[in-house]
Each structure stands twice: as C-alpha cells, then as structure tokens.
C-alpha cells in the first residue's frame, strides 16, 4: 500500500529522468507497482516505435503541451484524459513542444 501523505509541496520532490521522460513520483508502492507521478516530456520526446500494453490500469490527465498518438495520428491537448484498462493498446507517442501530465497506475485486482 502507498504511504499515507497529507498535502505537501510537490516542488520539494526532485525531477528524475527515466527513459527520457522526467518524473516526480508523488506516491508509490514498490511491491505492486502502484504509482502516482507527474511526467514531463521534453520537446521532441518519443516513447518508441511499438504500441504499448501493460498489466495495470493507467489514468493520464494532460496539464500542459501536446501529445500525439502515432498510431491514431491524433494529438491531445491540455484537459484531455485517458483511462486504460490492462491490455489496452495505445501509442507510441511523440511531443513536438513537450508536455506535462499526471499519471496514476494501479492494479486491476
């Protein structure tokens, strides 16, 4: 289970880079992969060439910038939201100008 945390300044958490994407992990349960993070994609970032699928639920809310799904040939903007159940194909993605999003991952069980 994630650690209990009351409101705190997220700016106190350092940005770290994972596979070219900057992240601030707000809460995590390393035992099951449950995660809430801010993800910041620098301009020109691409998630790869393959369609993505995973075994957890993923919710994403786009705060700033734009994100393009290369398979759908569709660009998403601030205020756009996605909820992906396990196994749902999505991506790959690219961003021309960069973006900032909130990502929440949790088990479907």
C-alpha atoms as a PDB file:
ATOM      1  CA  UNK A   1       0.000   0.000   0.000  1.00  0.00           C
ATOM      2  CA  UNK A   2       1.141   3.540  -0.680  1.00  0.00           C
ATOM      3  CA  UNK A   3       2.459   5.597   2.207  1.00  0.00           C
ATOM      4  CA  UNK A   4       0.000   7.977   3.858  1.00  0.00           C
ATOM      5  CA  UNK A   5       0.722  11.603   2.930  1.00  0.00           C
ATOM      6  CA  UNK A   6      -1.215  14.780   3.657  1.00  0.00           C
ATOM      7  CA  UNK A   7      -0.886  17.796   1.331  1.00  0.00           C
ATOM      8  CA  UNK A   8       2.738  18.664   0.694  1.00  0.00           C
ATOM      9  CA  UNK A   9       4.623  20.844  -1.804  1.00  0.00           C
ATOM     10  CA  UNK A  10       5.378  18.634  -4.805  1.00  0.00           C
ATOM     11  CA  UNK A  11       8.122  21.067  -5.809  1.00  0.00           C
ATOM     12  CA  UNK A  12      10.198  19.560  -2.988  1.00  0.00           C
ATOM     13  CA  UNK A  13      10.457  16.320  -4.992  1.00  0.00           C
ATOM     14  CA  UNK A  14      13.342  16.320  -7.460  1.00  0.00           C
ATOM     15  CA  UNK A  15      12.715  15.554 -11.123  1.00  0.00           C
ATOM     16  CA  UNK A  16      14.413  12.324 -12.201  1.00  0.00           C
ATOM     17  CA  UNK A  17      14.827  11.044 -15.741  1.00  0.00           C
ATOM     18  CA  UNK A  18      13.546   7.581 -16.690  1.00  0.00           C
ATOM     19  CA  UNK A  19      13.836   6.519 -20.337  1.00  0.00           C
ATOM     20  CA  UNK A  20      13.986  10.148 -21.489  1.00  0.00           C
ATOM     21  CA  UNK A  21      10.913  11.237 -19.526  1.00  0.00           C
ATOM     22  CA  UNK A  22      11.258  13.426 -16.446  1.00  0.00           C
ATOM     23  CA  UNK A  23       9.178  12.351 -13.475  1.00  0.00           C
ATOM     24  CA  UNK A  24       8.263  13.407  -9.971  1.00  0.00           C
ATOM     25  CA  UNK A  25       6.957  10.369  -8.129  1.00  0.00           C
ATOM     26  CA  UNK A  26       4.285  11.601  -5.735  1.00  0.00           C
ATOM     27  CA  UNK A  27       3.459   8.202  -4.249  1.00  0.00           C
ATOM     28  CA  UNK A  28       4.481   4.629  -4.951  1.00  0.00           C
ATOM     29  CA  UNK A  29       4.060   1.089  -3.703  1.00  0.00           C
ATOM     30  CA  UNK A  30       7.147  -0.743  -4.925  1.00  0.00           C
ATOM     31  CA  UNK A  31       5.590  -4.100  -4.043  1.00  0.00           C
ATOM     32  CA  UNK A  32       2.837  -3.901  -6.649  1.00  0.00           C
ATOM     33  CA  UNK A  33       3.916  -1.020  -8.932  1.00  0.00           C
ATOM     34  CA  UNK A  34       1.097   1.290  -7.861  1.00  0.00           C
ATOM     35  CA  UNK A  35       2.284   4.774  -8.784  1.00  0.00           C
ATOM     36  CA  UNK A  36       1.188   8.390  -8.982  1.00  0.00           C
ATOM     37  CA  UNK A  37       3.563  10.735 -10.779  1.00  0.00           C
ATOM     38  CA  UNK A  38       3.942  13.950 -12.678  1.00  0.00           C
ATOM     39  CA  UNK A  39       5.528  13.135 -16.044  1.00  0.00           C
ATOM     40  CA  UNK A  40       7.210  15.877 -18.054  1.00  0.00           C
ATOM     41  CA  UNK A  41       8.165  15.058 -21.630  1.00  0.00           C
ATOM     42  CA  UNK A  42      10.779  17.406 -23.065  1.00  0.00           C
ATOM     43  CA  UNK A  43      10.205  18.756 -26.584  1.00  0.00           C
ATOM     44  CA  UNK A  44      10.992  16.124 -29.209  1.00  0.00           C
ATOM     45  CA  UNK A  45      10.465  13.100 -26.912  1.00  0.00           C
ATOM     46  CA  UNK A  46       9.119   9.900 -28.482  1.00  0.00           C
ATOM     47  CA  UNK A  47       8.047   6.848 -26.475  1.00  0.00           C
ATOM     48  CA  UNK A  48       9.455   4.414 -29.030  1.00  0.00           C
ATOM     49  CA  UNK A  49       8.122   2.711 -32.124  1.00  0.00           C
ATOM     50  CA  UNK A  50       5.972  -0.043 -30.624  1.00  0.00           C
ATOM     51  CA  UNK A  51       2.379   0.022 -29.447  1.00  0.00           C
ATOM     52  CA  UNK A  52       2.269  -0.047 -25.636  1.00  0.00           C
ATOM     53  CA  UNK A  53       0.335  -2.521 -23.466  1.00  0.00           C
ATOM     54  CA  UNK A  54       0.685  -3.200 -19.754  1.00  0.00           C
ATOM     55  CA  UNK A  55      -0.906  -5.262 -16.981  1.00  0.00           C
ATOM     56  CA  UNK A  56      -2.129  -2.366 -14.825  1.00  0.00           C
ATOM     57  CA  UNK A  57      -4.789   0.337 -15.060  1.00  0.00           C
ATOM     58  CA  UNK A  58      -3.380   3.683 -16.168  1.00  0.00           C
ATOM     59  CA  UNK A  59      -5.091   7.057 -15.923  1.00  0.00           C
ATOM     60  CA  UNK A  60      -3.499  10.110 -17.530  1.00  0.00           C
ATOM     61  CA  UNK A  61      -4.511  13.776 -17.419  1.00  0.00           C
ATOM     62  CA  UNK A  62      -2.694  16.229 -19.698  1.00  0.00           C
ATOM     63  CA  UNK A  63      -1.959  19.578 -17.988  1.00  0.00           C
ATOM     64  CA  UNK A  64       0.314  21.357 -20.462  1.00  0.00           C
ATOM     65  CA  UNK A  65       1.596  20.972 -24.016  1.00  0.00           C
ATOM     66  CA  UNK A  66       0.528  18.372 -26.538  1.00  0.00           C
ATOM     67  CA  UNK A  67       0.979  14.636 -27.037  1.00  0.00           C
ATOM     68  CA  UNK A  68       0.490  12.836 -30.355  1.00  0.00           C
ATOM     69  CA  UNK A  69      -0.516   9.180 -30.645  1.00  0.00           C
ATOM     70  CA  UNK A  70       1.407   7.994 -33.704  1.00  0.00           C
ATOM     71  CA  UNK A  71      -0.921   5.019 -34.323  1.00  0.00           C
ATOM     72  CA  UNK A  72      -4.132   7.050 -34.161  1.00  0.00           C
ATOM     73  CA  UNK A  73      -2.497  10.085 -35.797  1.00  0.00           C
ATOM     74  CA  UNK A  74      -4.269  12.197 -33.182  1.00  0.00           C
ATOM     75  CA  UNK A  75      -2.893  14.987 -30.986  1.00  0.00           C
ATOM     76  CA  UNK A  76      -4.124  15.519 -27.432  1.00  0.00           C
ATOM     77  CA  UNK A  77      -4.140  18.833 -25.549  1.00  0.00           C
ATOM     78  CA  UNK A  78      -4.465  20.249 -22.012  1.00  0.00           C
ATOM     79  CA  UNK A  79      -7.592  18.953 -20.335  1.00  0.00           C
ATOM     80  CA  UNK A  80      -7.588  15.668 -22.256  1.00  0.00           C
ATOM     81  CA  UNK A  81      -7.815  12.479 -20.175  1.00  0.00           C
ATOM     82  CA  UNK A  82      -7.265   8.754 -20.778  1.00  0.00           C
ATOM     83  CA  UNK A  83      -8.219   5.672 -18.739  1.00  0.00           C
ATOM     84  CA  UNK A  84      -6.579   2.484 -19.977  1.00  0.00           C
ATOM     85  CA  UNK A  85      -7.507  -0.918 -18.567  1.00  0.00           C
ATOM     86  CA  UNK A  86      -4.889  -3.692 -18.582  1.00  0.00           C
ATOM     87  CA  UNK A  87      -4.006  -4.845 -22.087  1.00  0.00           C
ATOM     88  CA  UNK A  88      -5.412  -1.793 -23.885  1.00  0.00           C
ATOM     89  CA  UNK A  89      -3.134  -0.947 -26.834  1.00  0.00           C
ATOM     90  CA  UNK A  90      -2.021   2.698 -27.037  1.00  0.00           C
ATOM     91  CA  UNK A  91       0.773   4.775 -28.526  1.00  0.00           C
ATOM     92  CA  UNK A  92       3.513   5.079 -29.375  1.00  0.00           C
ATOM     93  CA  UNK A  93       3.617   8.801 -28.597  1.00  0.00           C
ATOM     94  CA  UNK A  94       5.614  11.857 -29.505  1.00  0.00           C
ATOM     95  CA  UNK A  95       5.553  15.505 -28.478  1.00  0.00           C
ATOM     96  CA  UNK A  96       6.886  18.346 -30.583  1.00  0.00           C
ATOM     97  CA  UNK A  97       6.796  21.054 -27.909  1.00  0.00           C
ATOM     98  CA  UNK A  98       6.787  18.942 -24.719  1.00  0.00           C
ATOM     99  CA  UNK A  99       4.032  18.187 -22.231  1.00  0.00           C
ATOM    100  CA  UNK A 100       3.228  17.732 -18.548  1.00  0.00           C
ATOM    101  CA  UNK A 101       0.778  15.120 -17.304  1.00  0.00           C
ATOM    102  CA  UNK A 102      -0.449  13.416 -14.163  1.00  0.00           C
ATOM    103  CA  UNK A 103      -0.239   9.629 -14.399  1.00  0.00           C
ATOM    104  CA  UNK A 104      -1.836   7.177 -11.977  1.00  0.00           C
ATOM    105  CA  UNK A 105      -1.154   3.435 -12.203  1.00  0.00           C
ATOM    106  CA  UNK A 106      -2.857   0.741 -10.143  1.00  0.00           C
ATOM    107  CA  UNK A 107      -3.722  -2.944 -10.189  1.00  0.00           C
ATOM    108  CA  UNK A 108      -6.995  -4.046 -11.744  1.00  0.00           C
ATOM    109  CA  UNK A 109      -7.484  -6.535  -8.901  1.00  0.00           C
END
